[in-house]
Amino acid sequence: MSTAESSPALGAPAGVATGAIFGRVMGLVAVTVGFSALGIWVGQDLSGWQWFVPWLFSIGCLIGLNVANARGATGLSLTLLFAFGLLLGISVGSTVYYYAATDSSVVAEATAATALFTAALGAGGYATRRDLSYLYRTLFWLLLALIVFGFLLIFINIPGGSLIYAILGLVIFGGYILVDFNRLRRAGQGEAIPLAAGIFLDVFNVFLIFLRIFSRR
């Protein structure tokens, strides 16, 4: 049996190993989403710039989990992943509850749309045999451009600017979902936690964008 057909560590068929990694990553994403939902409840009464503190700490958790994972500190990396989800949830808690109070159906619709969007693009990325990791650099620069565009919208009134921003955001984060799930196809066990963090962040941003879109009705 060739190396490409078996797991180097266990001698298991590659399909079995890949399936195990897929299950672990998606399980971690689901738990992180749960922590994020808890965070949204905790942060529902935040006001003004209070959201910025948990958001800033969440960035520290994201950096920390990647460093810890690279050093083999799996337990710490896992803890930081769940803290990352919790803190991001807290940072947007008041925003989500505002949308829910304005129109109770918006959050449910955004959740359903996010699930369908992620499932469709994730399946496409996972089914693609070609390595799409070369797209990460392009997506990074597009994301920077989107951030700059969003910053300009604060000071410049562009007709339809908010909708344009949302559509571009879906395209960019949809691209990240596609590439992250494609990477999951060939990932090793050591990449599970960082990949879960990346996919969670993709889903989190897509959810916020759908909230913005559905609230415009």
N, C-alpha and C. Protein backbone atom coordinates (compact mmCIF):
# COMPACT_ATOMS: atom_id res chain seq x y z
N MET A 1 0.85 -1.20 0.00
CA MET A 1 0.00 0.00 0.00
C MET A 1 0.88 1.24 0.00
N SER A 2 0.59 2.18 -0.85
CA SER A 2 1.43 3.37 -0.98
C SER A 2 1.15 4.33 0.16
N THR A 3 2.06 5.31 0.36
CA THR A 3 1.91 6.32 1.41
C THR A 3 0.66 7.15 1.17
N ALA A 4 0.33 7.45 -0.09
CA ALA A 4 -0.83 8.27 -0.41
C ALA A 4 -2.12 7.58 -0.05
N GLU A 5 -2.08 6.23 0.12
CA GLU A 5 -3.30 5.49 0.38
C GLU A 5 -3.49 5.16 1.85
N SER A 6 -2.52 5.52 2.70
CA SER A 6 -2.64 5.15 4.10
C SER A 6 -2.22 6.28 5.00
N SER A 7 -2.64 6.21 6.25
CA SER A 7 -2.24 7.18 7.25
C SER A 7 -0.83 6.85 7.71
N PRO A 8 0.13 7.81 7.68
CA PRO A 8 1.49 7.54 8.09
C PRO A 8 1.57 7.06 9.52
N ALA A 9 0.67 7.59 10.38
CA ALA A 9 0.77 7.28 11.79
C ALA A 9 0.10 5.96 12.15
N LEU A 10 -1.03 5.65 11.53
CA LEU A 10 -1.83 4.52 11.96
C LEU A 10 -1.96 3.42 10.92
N GLY A 11 -1.60 3.73 9.69
CA GLY A 11 -1.74 2.76 8.64
C GLY A 11 -3.18 2.58 8.21
N ALA A 12 -4.05 3.52 8.57
CA ALA A 12 -5.46 3.45 8.21
C ALA A 12 -5.65 4.02 6.83
N PRO A 13 -6.70 3.59 6.12
CA PRO A 13 -6.98 4.15 4.81
C PRO A 13 -7.12 5.66 4.88
N ALA A 14 -6.65 6.35 3.83
CA ALA A 14 -6.67 7.81 3.83
C ALA A 14 -8.07 8.35 3.99
N GLY A 15 -9.06 7.68 3.37
CA GLY A 15 -10.43 8.15 3.47
C GLY A 15 -10.94 8.12 4.90
N VAL A 16 -10.55 7.08 5.66
CA VAL A 16 -10.96 6.97 7.05
C VAL A 16 -10.34 8.07 7.88
N ALA A 17 -9.02 8.30 7.68
CA ALA A 17 -8.32 9.34 8.43
C ALA A 17 -8.90 10.70 8.13
N THR A 18 -9.17 10.97 6.86
CA THR A 18 -9.73 12.25 6.47
C THR A 18 -11.11 12.44 7.08
N GLY A 19 -11.91 11.38 7.08
CA GLY A 19 -13.24 11.46 7.67
C GLY A 19 -13.18 11.75 9.15
N ALA A 20 -12.20 11.17 9.86
CA ALA A 20 -12.04 11.41 11.29
C ALA A 20 -11.68 12.86 11.55
N ILE A 21 -10.78 13.41 10.74
CA ILE A 21 -10.37 14.80 10.90
C ILE A 21 -11.55 15.73 10.60
N PHE A 22 -12.30 15.42 9.56
CA PHE A 22 -13.48 16.22 9.21
C PHE A 22 -14.45 16.24 10.39
N GLY A 23 -14.71 15.06 10.96
CA GLY A 23 -15.63 14.98 12.08
C GLY A 23 -15.14 15.77 13.28
N ARG A 24 -13.82 15.69 13.55
CA ARG A 24 -13.27 16.41 14.70
C ARG A 24 -13.37 17.93 14.48
N VAL A 25 -13.00 18.39 13.30
CA VAL A 25 -13.03 19.82 13.03
C VAL A 25 -14.45 20.36 13.12
N MET A 26 -15.40 19.67 12.49
CA MET A 26 -16.77 20.15 12.50
C MET A 26 -17.37 20.08 13.91
N GLY A 27 -16.94 19.09 14.69
CA GLY A 27 -17.38 19.02 16.08
C GLY A 27 -16.88 20.22 16.87
N LEU A 28 -15.62 20.58 16.65
CA LEU A 28 -15.03 21.75 17.32
C LEU A 28 -15.73 23.04 16.89
N VAL A 29 -16.06 23.12 15.60
CA VAL A 29 -16.77 24.30 15.11
C VAL A 29 -18.14 24.41 15.80
N ALA A 30 -18.83 23.28 15.92
CA ALA A 30 -20.16 23.28 16.54
C ALA A 30 -20.09 23.72 18.00
N VAL A 31 -19.09 23.22 18.74
CA VAL A 31 -18.95 23.61 20.14
C VAL A 31 -18.60 25.09 20.25
N THR A 32 -17.73 25.57 19.36
CA THR A 32 -17.35 26.99 19.37
C THR A 32 -18.54 27.87 19.06
N VAL A 33 -19.39 27.43 18.13
CA VAL A 33 -20.63 28.16 17.85
C VAL A 33 -21.51 28.22 19.10
N GLY A 34 -21.55 27.12 19.84
CA GLY A 34 -22.31 27.10 21.08
C GLY A 34 -21.79 28.11 22.09
N PHE A 35 -20.46 28.19 22.23
CA PHE A 35 -19.86 29.19 23.12
C PHE A 35 -20.17 30.60 22.63
N SER A 36 -20.17 30.79 21.32
CA SER A 36 -20.47 32.10 20.76
C SER A 36 -21.92 32.50 21.06
N ALA A 37 -22.84 31.53 20.96
CA ALA A 37 -24.24 31.80 21.29
C ALA A 37 -24.38 32.20 22.75
N LEU A 38 -23.63 31.52 23.63
CA LEU A 38 -23.63 31.89 25.04
C LEU A 38 -23.09 33.31 25.21
N GLY A 39 -22.03 33.62 24.46
CA GLY A 39 -21.45 34.96 24.53
C GLY A 39 -22.43 36.04 24.09
N ILE A 40 -23.22 35.74 23.06
CA ILE A 40 -24.21 36.70 22.59
C ILE A 40 -25.21 37.02 23.71
N TRP A 41 -25.60 35.98 24.45
CA TRP A 41 -26.52 36.19 25.58
C TRP A 41 -25.86 37.03 26.66
N VAL A 42 -24.59 36.73 26.96
CA VAL A 42 -23.86 37.46 28.01
C VAL A 42 -23.70 38.93 27.63
N GLY A 43 -23.45 39.18 26.33
CA GLY A 43 -23.14 40.55 25.89
C GLY A 43 -24.32 41.34 25.40
N GLN A 44 -25.54 40.89 25.67
CA GLN A 44 -26.72 41.55 25.11
C GLN A 44 -26.91 42.98 25.59
N ASP A 45 -26.37 43.32 26.77
CA ASP A 45 -26.58 44.66 27.31
C ASP A 45 -25.37 45.58 27.15
N LEU A 46 -24.38 45.16 26.39
CA LEU A 46 -23.23 46.04 26.16
C LEU A 46 -23.66 47.28 25.39
N SER A 47 -23.00 48.39 25.67
CA SER A 47 -23.34 49.64 24.97
C SER A 47 -22.08 50.39 24.60
N GLY A 48 -22.25 51.31 23.66
CA GLY A 48 -21.12 52.15 23.24
C GLY A 48 -19.95 51.33 22.73
N TRP A 49 -18.77 51.65 23.26
CA TRP A 49 -17.55 50.99 22.82
C TRP A 49 -17.18 49.78 23.70
N GLN A 50 -18.11 49.36 24.55
CA GLN A 50 -17.82 48.21 25.42
C GLN A 50 -17.55 46.94 24.62
N TRP A 51 -18.14 46.86 23.40
CA TRP A 51 -17.95 45.67 22.57
C TRP A 51 -16.49 45.47 22.18
N PHE A 52 -15.73 46.59 22.18
CA PHE A 52 -14.37 46.53 21.65
C PHE A 52 -13.44 45.70 22.54
N VAL A 53 -13.70 45.72 23.85
CA VAL A 53 -12.81 44.99 24.78
C VAL A 53 -12.85 43.48 24.54
N PRO A 54 -14.05 42.83 24.54
CA PRO A 54 -14.05 41.39 24.24
C PRO A 54 -13.55 41.08 22.83
N TRP A 55 -13.82 41.98 21.87
CA TRP A 55 -13.33 41.76 20.51
C TRP A 55 -11.81 41.74 20.49
N LEU A 56 -11.19 42.68 21.21
CA LEU A 56 -9.74 42.76 21.25
C LEU A 56 -9.14 41.51 21.90
N PHE A 57 -9.75 41.06 22.99
CA PHE A 57 -9.27 39.85 23.65
C PHE A 57 -9.47 38.62 22.77
N SER A 58 -10.52 38.63 21.94
CA SER A 58 -10.75 37.49 21.05
C SER A 58 -9.63 37.37 20.02
N ILE A 59 -9.13 38.51 19.56
CA ILE A 59 -8.01 38.49 18.61
C ILE A 59 -6.78 37.89 19.29
N GLY A 60 -6.58 38.25 20.56
CA GLY A 60 -5.47 37.67 21.31
C GLY A 60 -5.60 36.17 21.44
N CYS A 61 -6.85 35.69 21.66
CA CYS A 61 -7.10 34.24 21.76
C CYS A 61 -6.80 33.54 20.44
N LEU A 62 -7.17 34.19 19.32
CA LEU A 62 -6.94 33.60 18.01
C LEU A 62 -5.44 33.45 17.74
N ILE A 63 -4.69 34.49 18.06
CA ILE A 63 -3.23 34.43 17.88
C ILE A 63 -2.64 33.38 18.82
N GLY A 64 -3.11 33.40 20.07
CA GLY A 64 -2.59 32.48 21.07
C GLY A 64 -2.85 31.03 20.75
N LEU A 65 -4.03 30.72 20.22
CA LEU A 65 -4.34 29.31 19.93
C LEU A 65 -3.47 28.78 18.80
N ASN A 66 -3.15 29.63 17.84
CA ASN A 66 -2.25 29.19 16.76
C ASN A 66 -0.84 28.95 17.27
N VAL A 67 -0.36 29.83 18.17
CA VAL A 67 0.97 29.64 18.74
C VAL A 67 1.00 28.39 19.61
N ALA A 68 -0.01 28.23 20.47
CA ALA A 68 -0.07 27.06 21.35
C ALA A 68 -0.16 25.77 20.55
N ASN A 69 -0.96 25.78 19.47
CA ASN A 69 -1.09 24.58 18.65
C ASN A 69 0.23 24.23 17.98
N ALA A 70 0.94 25.24 17.51
CA ALA A 70 2.23 25.01 16.85
C ALA A 70 3.25 24.41 17.82
N ARG A 71 3.11 24.71 19.12
CA ARG A 71 4.03 24.21 20.13
C ARG A 71 3.55 22.90 20.75
N GLY A 72 2.43 22.39 20.25
CA GLY A 72 1.93 21.11 20.73
C GLY A 72 1.11 21.19 22.00
N ALA A 73 0.76 22.41 22.46
CA ALA A 73 -0.06 22.58 23.67
C ALA A 73 -1.53 22.49 23.27
N THR A 74 -1.99 21.29 22.99
CA THR A 74 -3.34 21.08 22.47
C THR A 74 -4.43 21.55 23.44
N GLY A 75 -4.25 21.25 24.72
CA GLY A 75 -5.25 21.63 25.72
C GLY A 75 -5.42 23.13 25.79
N LEU A 76 -4.32 23.86 25.80
CA LEU A 76 -4.38 25.32 25.85
C LEU A 76 -4.99 25.86 24.57
N SER A 77 -4.59 25.30 23.44
CA SER A 77 -5.12 25.74 22.15
C SER A 77 -6.63 25.54 22.09
N LEU A 78 -7.11 24.42 22.63
CA LEU A 78 -8.54 24.13 22.63
C LEU A 78 -9.29 25.11 23.54
N THR A 79 -8.72 25.40 24.68
CA THR A 79 -9.33 26.36 25.61
C THR A 79 -9.43 27.74 24.96
N LEU A 80 -8.37 28.15 24.28
CA LEU A 80 -8.36 29.45 23.63
C LEU A 80 -9.35 29.50 22.47
N LEU A 81 -9.57 28.35 21.78
CA LEU A 81 -10.57 28.30 20.72
C LEU A 81 -11.96 28.60 21.27
N PHE A 82 -12.32 27.94 22.37
CA PHE A 82 -13.64 28.16 22.95
C PHE A 82 -13.77 29.57 23.53
N ALA A 83 -12.68 30.09 24.10
CA ALA A 83 -12.69 31.47 24.61
C ALA A 83 -12.86 32.45 23.45
N PHE A 84 -12.24 32.13 22.33
CA PHE A 84 -12.36 32.95 21.11
C PHE A 84 -13.82 33.07 20.69
N GLY A 85 -14.52 31.93 20.64
CA GLY A 85 -15.94 31.95 20.27
C GLY A 85 -16.77 32.72 21.27
N LEU A 86 -16.52 32.50 22.56
CA LEU A 86 -17.27 33.19 23.61
C LEU A 86 -17.09 34.70 23.53
N LEU A 87 -15.86 35.14 23.39
CA LEU A 87 -15.58 36.58 23.37
C LEU A 87 -16.13 37.26 22.12
N LEU A 88 -16.04 36.58 20.97
CA LEU A 88 -16.63 37.16 19.77
C LEU A 88 -18.15 37.29 19.92
N GLY A 89 -18.77 36.28 20.54
CA GLY A 89 -20.21 36.36 20.78
C GLY A 89 -20.56 37.53 21.68
N ILE A 90 -19.78 37.71 22.75
CA ILE A 90 -20.03 38.84 23.66
C ILE A 90 -19.93 40.17 22.92
N SER A 91 -18.94 40.28 22.02
CA SER A 91 -18.70 41.54 21.33
C SER A 91 -19.85 41.95 20.42
N VAL A 92 -20.63 40.98 19.93
CA VAL A 92 -21.74 41.32 19.03
C VAL A 92 -23.10 41.08 19.68
N GLY A 93 -23.10 40.75 20.98
CA GLY A 93 -24.34 40.42 21.65
C GLY A 93 -25.41 41.49 21.55
N SER A 94 -25.04 42.74 21.83
CA SER A 94 -26.03 43.83 21.79
C SER A 94 -26.55 44.05 20.37
N THR A 95 -25.68 43.85 19.38
CA THR A 95 -26.09 44.01 17.98
C THR A 95 -27.12 42.96 17.58
N VAL A 96 -26.86 41.70 17.93
CA VAL A 96 -27.78 40.62 17.59
C VAL A 96 -29.12 40.81 18.29
N TYR A 97 -29.08 41.21 19.56
CA TYR A 97 -30.33 41.42 20.30
C TYR A 97 -31.10 42.63 19.78
N TYR A 98 -30.36 43.61 19.26
CA TYR A 98 -31.04 44.77 18.65
C TYR A 98 -31.83 44.33 17.41
N TYR A 99 -31.19 43.54 16.57
CA TYR A 99 -31.88 43.03 15.37
C TYR A 99 -33.08 42.17 15.77
N ALA A 100 -32.89 41.34 16.80
CA ALA A 100 -33.97 40.46 17.25
C ALA A 100 -35.15 41.26 17.78
N ALA A 101 -34.85 42.37 18.48
CA ALA A 101 -35.91 43.21 19.03
C ALA A 101 -36.63 43.98 17.93
N THR A 102 -35.90 44.35 16.89
CA THR A 102 -36.49 45.09 15.78
C THR A 102 -37.38 44.21 14.93
N ASP A 103 -36.90 43.00 14.62
CA ASP A 103 -37.67 42.04 13.84
C ASP A 103 -37.25 40.65 14.29
N SER A 104 -38.13 39.97 15.01
CA SER A 104 -37.78 38.69 15.62
C SER A 104 -37.41 37.61 14.60
N SER A 105 -37.80 37.78 13.34
CA SER A 105 -37.52 36.76 12.33
C SER A 105 -36.14 36.91 11.70
N VAL A 106 -35.52 38.07 11.87
CA VAL A 106 -34.25 38.35 11.20
C VAL A 106 -33.15 37.38 11.63
N VAL A 107 -33.02 37.15 12.92
CA VAL A 107 -31.95 36.28 13.42
C VAL A 107 -32.14 34.86 12.93
N ALA A 108 -33.38 34.36 12.96
CA ALA A 108 -33.65 33.00 12.48
C ALA A 108 -33.35 32.88 11.00
N GLU A 109 -33.75 33.88 10.22
CA GLU A 109 -33.49 33.85 8.78
C GLU A 109 -31.99 33.90 8.48
N ALA A 110 -31.28 34.76 9.22
CA ALA A 110 -29.83 34.86 9.02
C ALA A 110 -29.14 33.55 9.38
N THR A 111 -29.61 32.89 10.45
CA THR A 111 -29.04 31.61 10.87
C THR A 111 -29.26 30.55 9.79
N ALA A 112 -30.48 30.48 9.27
CA ALA A 112 -30.79 29.48 8.24
C ALA A 112 -29.99 29.74 6.97
N ALA A 113 -29.91 31.01 6.57
CA ALA A 113 -29.17 31.37 5.36
C ALA A 113 -27.69 31.05 5.52
N THR A 114 -27.16 31.30 6.71
CA THR A 114 -25.74 31.00 6.98
C THR A 114 -25.48 29.51 6.89
N ALA A 115 -26.39 28.70 7.45
CA ALA A 115 -26.23 27.25 7.40
C ALA A 115 -26.24 26.74 5.96
N LEU A 116 -27.18 27.22 5.16
CA LEU A 116 -27.28 26.78 3.76
C LEU A 116 -26.07 27.24 2.95
N PHE A 117 -25.67 28.49 3.15
CA PHE A 117 -24.54 29.09 2.45
C PHE A 117 -23.26 28.31 2.75
N THR A 118 -23.05 28.02 4.04
CA THR A 118 -21.85 27.31 4.47
C THR A 118 -21.85 25.87 3.96
N ALA A 119 -23.02 25.21 4.03
CA ALA A 119 -23.11 23.82 3.58
C ALA A 119 -22.83 23.71 2.09
N ALA A 120 -23.38 24.63 1.29
CA ALA A 120 -23.20 24.57 -0.16
C ALA A 120 -21.75 24.81 -0.55
N LEU A 121 -21.15 25.89 -0.04
CA LEU A 121 -19.77 26.20 -0.41
C LEU A 121 -18.78 25.24 0.25
N GLY A 122 -19.09 24.82 1.48
CA GLY A 122 -18.22 23.86 2.15
C GLY A 122 -18.17 22.54 1.41
N ALA A 123 -19.33 22.07 0.96
CA ALA A 123 -19.38 20.82 0.20
C ALA A 123 -18.60 20.95 -1.11
N GLY A 124 -18.75 22.12 -1.75
CA GLY A 124 -18.02 22.36 -3.00
C GLY A 124 -16.52 22.36 -2.79
N GLY A 125 -16.08 23.04 -1.73
CA GLY A 125 -14.65 23.09 -1.45
C GLY A 125 -14.08 21.74 -1.07
N TYR A 126 -14.82 20.98 -0.27
CA TYR A 126 -14.36 19.68 0.18
C TYR A 126 -14.31 18.67 -0.96
N ALA A 127 -15.23 18.83 -1.92
CA ALA A 127 -15.29 17.90 -3.05
C ALA A 127 -14.24 18.21 -4.11
N THR A 128 -13.68 19.42 -4.08
CA THR A 128 -12.69 19.81 -5.08
C THR A 128 -11.33 19.18 -4.77
N ARG A 129 -10.83 18.37 -5.67
CA ARG A 129 -9.56 17.68 -5.43
C ARG A 129 -8.36 18.61 -5.57
N ARG A 130 -8.48 19.61 -6.40
CA ARG A 130 -7.36 20.53 -6.60
C ARG A 130 -7.11 21.36 -5.34
N ASP A 131 -5.86 21.56 -5.00
CA ASP A 131 -5.48 22.36 -3.84
C ASP A 131 -5.76 23.84 -4.14
N LEU A 132 -6.66 24.45 -3.37
CA LEU A 132 -7.06 25.84 -3.60
C LEU A 132 -6.36 26.82 -2.65
N SER A 133 -5.36 26.35 -1.92
CA SER A 133 -4.72 27.21 -0.92
C SER A 133 -4.05 28.44 -1.52
N TYR A 134 -3.76 28.39 -2.82
CA TYR A 134 -3.15 29.56 -3.47
C TYR A 134 -4.10 30.77 -3.46
N LEU A 135 -5.38 30.54 -3.20
CA LEU A 135 -6.36 31.63 -3.18
C LEU A 135 -6.32 32.42 -1.88
N TYR A 136 -5.66 31.91 -0.85
CA TYR A 136 -5.63 32.60 0.44
C TYR A 136 -5.07 34.02 0.31
N ARG A 137 -4.01 34.18 -0.46
CA ARG A 137 -3.39 35.50 -0.58
C ARG A 137 -4.34 36.49 -1.25
N THR A 138 -5.00 36.05 -2.32
CA THR A 138 -5.95 36.92 -3.01
C THR A 138 -7.10 37.31 -2.09
N LEU A 139 -7.62 36.33 -1.33
CA LEU A 139 -8.72 36.60 -0.41
C LEU A 139 -8.29 37.57 0.69
N PHE A 140 -7.05 37.44 1.14
CA PHE A 140 -6.53 38.33 2.18
C PHE A 140 -6.55 39.78 1.70
N TRP A 141 -6.06 40.01 0.48
CA TRP A 141 -6.02 41.38 -0.04
C TRP A 141 -7.43 41.92 -0.32
N LEU A 142 -8.31 41.04 -0.76
CA LEU A 142 -9.70 41.45 -0.96
C LEU A 142 -10.36 41.82 0.36
N LEU A 143 -10.03 41.08 1.41
CA LEU A 143 -10.57 41.38 2.73
C LEU A 143 -10.07 42.73 3.23
N LEU A 144 -8.80 43.01 3.03
CA LEU A 144 -8.26 44.32 3.41
C LEU A 144 -8.98 45.44 2.66
N ALA A 145 -9.22 45.23 1.35
CA ALA A 145 -9.92 46.22 0.56
C ALA A 145 -11.35 46.43 1.08
N LEU A 146 -11.99 45.34 1.51
CA LEU A 146 -13.35 45.43 2.06
C LEU A 146 -13.35 46.23 3.36
N ILE A 147 -12.34 46.01 4.20
CA ILE A 147 -12.23 46.76 5.46
C ILE A 147 -12.07 48.25 5.18
N VAL A 148 -11.24 48.58 4.20
CA VAL A 148 -11.05 49.99 3.83
C VAL A 148 -12.35 50.59 3.31
N PHE A 149 -13.07 49.81 2.47
CA PHE A 149 -14.35 50.27 1.94
C PHE A 149 -15.35 50.51 3.07
N GLY A 150 -15.39 49.61 4.03
CA GLY A 150 -16.29 49.77 5.18
C GLY A 150 -15.93 51.00 5.99
N PHE A 151 -14.64 51.27 6.13
CA PHE A 151 -14.19 52.46 6.85
C PHE A 151 -14.63 53.73 6.12
N LEU A 152 -14.54 53.72 4.78
CA LEU A 152 -14.95 54.88 3.99
C LEU A 152 -16.45 55.14 4.11
N LEU A 153 -17.22 54.07 4.24
CA LEU A 153 -18.68 54.22 4.35
C LEU A 153 -19.09 54.97 5.61
N ILE A 154 -18.21 54.97 6.62
CA ILE A 154 -18.50 55.71 7.84
C ILE A 154 -18.53 57.21 7.57
N PHE A 155 -17.68 57.66 6.64
CA PHE A 155 -17.51 59.10 6.39
C PHE A 155 -18.13 59.57 5.07
N ILE A 156 -18.36 58.63 4.16
CA ILE A 156 -18.87 59.01 2.83
C ILE A 156 -20.18 58.28 2.58
N ASN A 157 -21.19 59.02 2.18
CA ASN A 157 -22.49 58.42 1.87
C ASN A 157 -22.50 57.94 0.43
N ILE A 158 -22.37 56.64 0.25
CA ILE A 158 -22.38 56.04 -1.08
C ILE A 158 -23.72 55.35 -1.28
N PRO A 159 -24.49 55.74 -2.29
CA PRO A 159 -25.79 55.10 -2.52
C PRO A 159 -25.66 53.58 -2.65
N GLY A 160 -26.40 52.86 -1.84
CA GLY A 160 -26.34 51.40 -1.87
C GLY A 160 -25.05 50.84 -1.31
N GLY A 161 -24.26 51.68 -0.65
CA GLY A 161 -22.95 51.25 -0.16
C GLY A 161 -23.03 50.09 0.82
N SER A 162 -24.03 50.13 1.71
CA SER A 162 -24.16 49.07 2.70
C SER A 162 -24.47 47.72 2.05
N LEU A 163 -25.33 47.74 1.04
CA LEU A 163 -25.67 46.49 0.34
C LEU A 163 -24.47 45.98 -0.46
N ILE A 164 -23.75 46.90 -1.09
CA ILE A 164 -22.55 46.52 -1.84
C ILE A 164 -21.53 45.87 -0.91
N TYR A 165 -21.37 46.49 0.27
CA TYR A 165 -20.44 45.96 1.27
C TYR A 165 -20.84 44.54 1.66
N ALA A 166 -22.13 44.33 1.89
CA ALA A 166 -22.63 43.02 2.31
C ALA A 166 -22.40 41.97 1.23
N ILE A 167 -22.69 42.31 -0.01
CA ILE A 167 -22.53 41.36 -1.11
C ILE A 167 -21.05 41.01 -1.29
N LEU A 168 -20.20 42.01 -1.25
CA LEU A 168 -18.76 41.76 -1.37
C LEU A 168 -18.27 40.90 -0.21
N GLY A 169 -18.81 41.16 0.97
CA GLY A 169 -18.43 40.36 2.13
C GLY A 169 -18.80 38.90 1.97
N LEU A 170 -19.99 38.65 1.41
CA LEU A 170 -20.42 37.27 1.18
C LEU A 170 -19.50 36.58 0.17
N VAL A 171 -19.11 37.33 -0.86
CA VAL A 171 -18.21 36.76 -1.88
C VAL A 171 -16.87 36.39 -1.25
N ILE A 172 -16.32 37.30 -0.45
CA ILE A 172 -15.00 37.07 0.15
C ILE A 172 -15.03 35.94 1.17
N PHE A 173 -15.99 36.00 2.10
CA PHE A 173 -16.03 34.96 3.13
C PHE A 173 -16.53 33.63 2.55
N GLY A 174 -17.33 33.71 1.49
CA GLY A 174 -17.69 32.49 0.78
C GLY A 174 -16.45 31.85 0.18
N GLY A 175 -15.54 32.68 -0.32
CA GLY A 175 -14.27 32.18 -0.84
C GLY A 175 -13.44 31.52 0.25
N TYR A 176 -13.44 32.14 1.44
CA TYR A 176 -12.71 31.54 2.56
C TYR A 176 -13.30 30.19 2.96
N ILE A 177 -14.63 30.09 2.97
CA ILE A 177 -15.27 28.82 3.29
C ILE A 177 -14.85 27.75 2.28
N LEU A 178 -14.89 28.12 1.02
CA LEU A 178 -14.51 27.19 -0.04
C LEU A 178 -13.09 26.68 0.16
N VAL A 179 -12.16 27.60 0.41
CA VAL A 179 -10.75 27.24 0.54
C VAL A 179 -10.48 26.50 1.85
N ASP A 180 -11.12 26.92 2.94
CA ASP A 180 -10.89 26.25 4.22
C ASP A 180 -11.38 24.81 4.20
N PHE A 181 -12.54 24.56 3.58
CA PHE A 181 -13.03 23.19 3.48
C PHE A 181 -12.18 22.37 2.51
N ASN A 182 -11.64 23.01 1.49
CA ASN A 182 -10.73 22.32 0.59
C ASN A 182 -9.45 21.93 1.33
N ARG A 183 -8.98 22.81 2.19
CA ARG A 183 -7.80 22.52 3.01
C ARG A 183 -8.10 21.39 3.99
N LEU A 184 -9.33 21.35 4.50
CA LEU A 184 -9.73 20.30 5.43
C LEU A 184 -9.61 18.92 4.79
N ARG A 185 -9.79 18.87 3.50
CA ARG A 185 -9.72 17.60 2.76
C ARG A 185 -8.36 16.92 2.92
N ARG A 186 -7.30 17.72 3.05
CA ARG A 186 -5.95 17.16 3.12
C ARG A 186 -5.23 17.53 4.42
N ALA A 187 -6.00 17.94 5.44
CA ALA A 187 -5.39 18.38 6.69
C ALA A 187 -4.96 17.21 7.56
N GLY A 188 -3.98 17.46 8.41
CA GLY A 188 -3.56 16.48 9.40
C GLY A 188 -4.19 16.80 10.75
N GLN A 189 -4.05 15.88 11.71
CA GLN A 189 -4.66 16.08 13.03
C GLN A 189 -4.14 17.36 13.70
N GLY A 190 -2.90 17.72 13.44
CA GLY A 190 -2.32 18.90 14.06
C GLY A 190 -2.92 20.20 13.59
N GLU A 191 -3.68 20.15 12.50
CA GLU A 191 -4.30 21.36 11.95
C GLU A 191 -5.76 21.53 12.35
N ALA A 192 -6.29 20.58 13.12
CA ALA A 192 -7.72 20.57 13.41
C ALA A 192 -8.19 21.83 14.13
N ILE A 193 -7.49 22.24 15.17
CA ILE A 193 -7.95 23.38 15.97
C ILE A 193 -7.84 24.70 15.20
N PRO A 194 -6.69 25.01 14.56
CA PRO A 194 -6.65 26.23 13.75
C PRO A 194 -7.68 26.25 12.63
N LEU A 195 -7.91 25.08 12.00
CA LEU A 195 -8.91 25.01 10.94
C LEU A 195 -10.31 25.26 11.49
N ALA A 196 -10.60 24.71 12.65
CA ALA A 196 -11.90 24.94 13.29
C ALA A 196 -12.09 26.42 13.58
N ALA A 197 -11.03 27.08 14.04
CA ALA A 197 -11.10 28.52 14.32
C ALA A 197 -11.37 29.30 13.04
N GLY A 198 -10.69 28.92 11.95
CA GLY A 198 -10.88 29.61 10.68
C GLY A 198 -12.28 29.43 10.13
N ILE A 199 -12.80 28.20 10.17
CA ILE A 199 -14.14 27.94 9.65
C ILE A 199 -15.18 28.64 10.52
N PHE A 200 -15.00 28.60 11.83
CA PHE A 200 -15.92 29.31 12.72
C PHE A 200 -15.95 30.80 12.40
N LEU A 201 -14.78 31.39 12.19
CA LEU A 201 -14.71 32.81 11.89
C LEU A 201 -15.40 33.13 10.57
N ASP A 202 -15.24 32.25 9.58
CA ASP A 202 -15.95 32.43 8.30
C ASP A 202 -17.46 32.44 8.54
N VAL A 203 -17.95 31.45 9.27
CA VAL A 203 -19.38 31.31 9.53
C VAL A 203 -19.90 32.50 10.33
N PHE A 204 -19.13 32.93 11.31
CA PHE A 204 -19.50 34.06 12.17
C PHE A 204 -19.70 35.33 11.33
N ASN A 205 -18.77 35.59 10.43
CA ASN A 205 -18.86 36.80 9.60
C ASN A 205 -20.00 36.71 8.59
N VAL A 206 -20.21 35.53 8.03
CA VAL A 206 -21.33 35.35 7.10
C VAL A 206 -22.66 35.60 7.82
N PHE A 207 -22.78 35.11 9.05
CA PHE A 207 -23.99 35.33 9.84
C PHE A 207 -24.25 36.82 10.04
N LEU A 208 -23.21 37.57 10.40
CA LEU A 208 -23.37 39.01 10.61
C LEU A 208 -23.77 39.73 9.33
N ILE A 209 -23.23 39.27 8.22
CA ILE A 209 -23.57 39.89 6.93
C ILE A 209 -25.03 39.61 6.58
N PHE A 210 -25.48 38.38 6.78
CA PHE A 210 -26.88 38.06 6.50
C PHE A 210 -27.82 38.84 7.43
N LEU A 211 -27.40 39.07 8.67
CA LEU A 211 -28.19 39.92 9.57
C LEU A 211 -28.38 41.31 8.95
N ARG A 212 -27.29 41.84 8.43
CA ARG A 212 -27.35 43.16 7.80
C ARG A 212 -28.28 43.17 6.59
N ILE A 213 -28.21 42.13 5.78
CA ILE A 213 -29.02 42.05 4.57
C ILE A 213 -30.51 41.93 4.90
N PHE A 214 -30.84 40.99 5.78
CA PHE A 214 -32.25 40.75 6.10
C PHE A 214 -32.88 41.90 6.87
N SER A 215 -32.07 42.64 7.60
CA SER A 215 -32.61 43.77 8.38
C SER A 215 -32.97 44.96 7.50
N ARG A 216 -32.54 44.93 6.24
CA ARG A 216 -32.81 46.06 5.34
C ARG A 216 -34.19 45.99 4.72
N ARG A 217 -34.93 44.92 4.93
CA ARG A 217 -36.23 44.78 4.27
C ARG A 217 -37.22 45.83 4.76
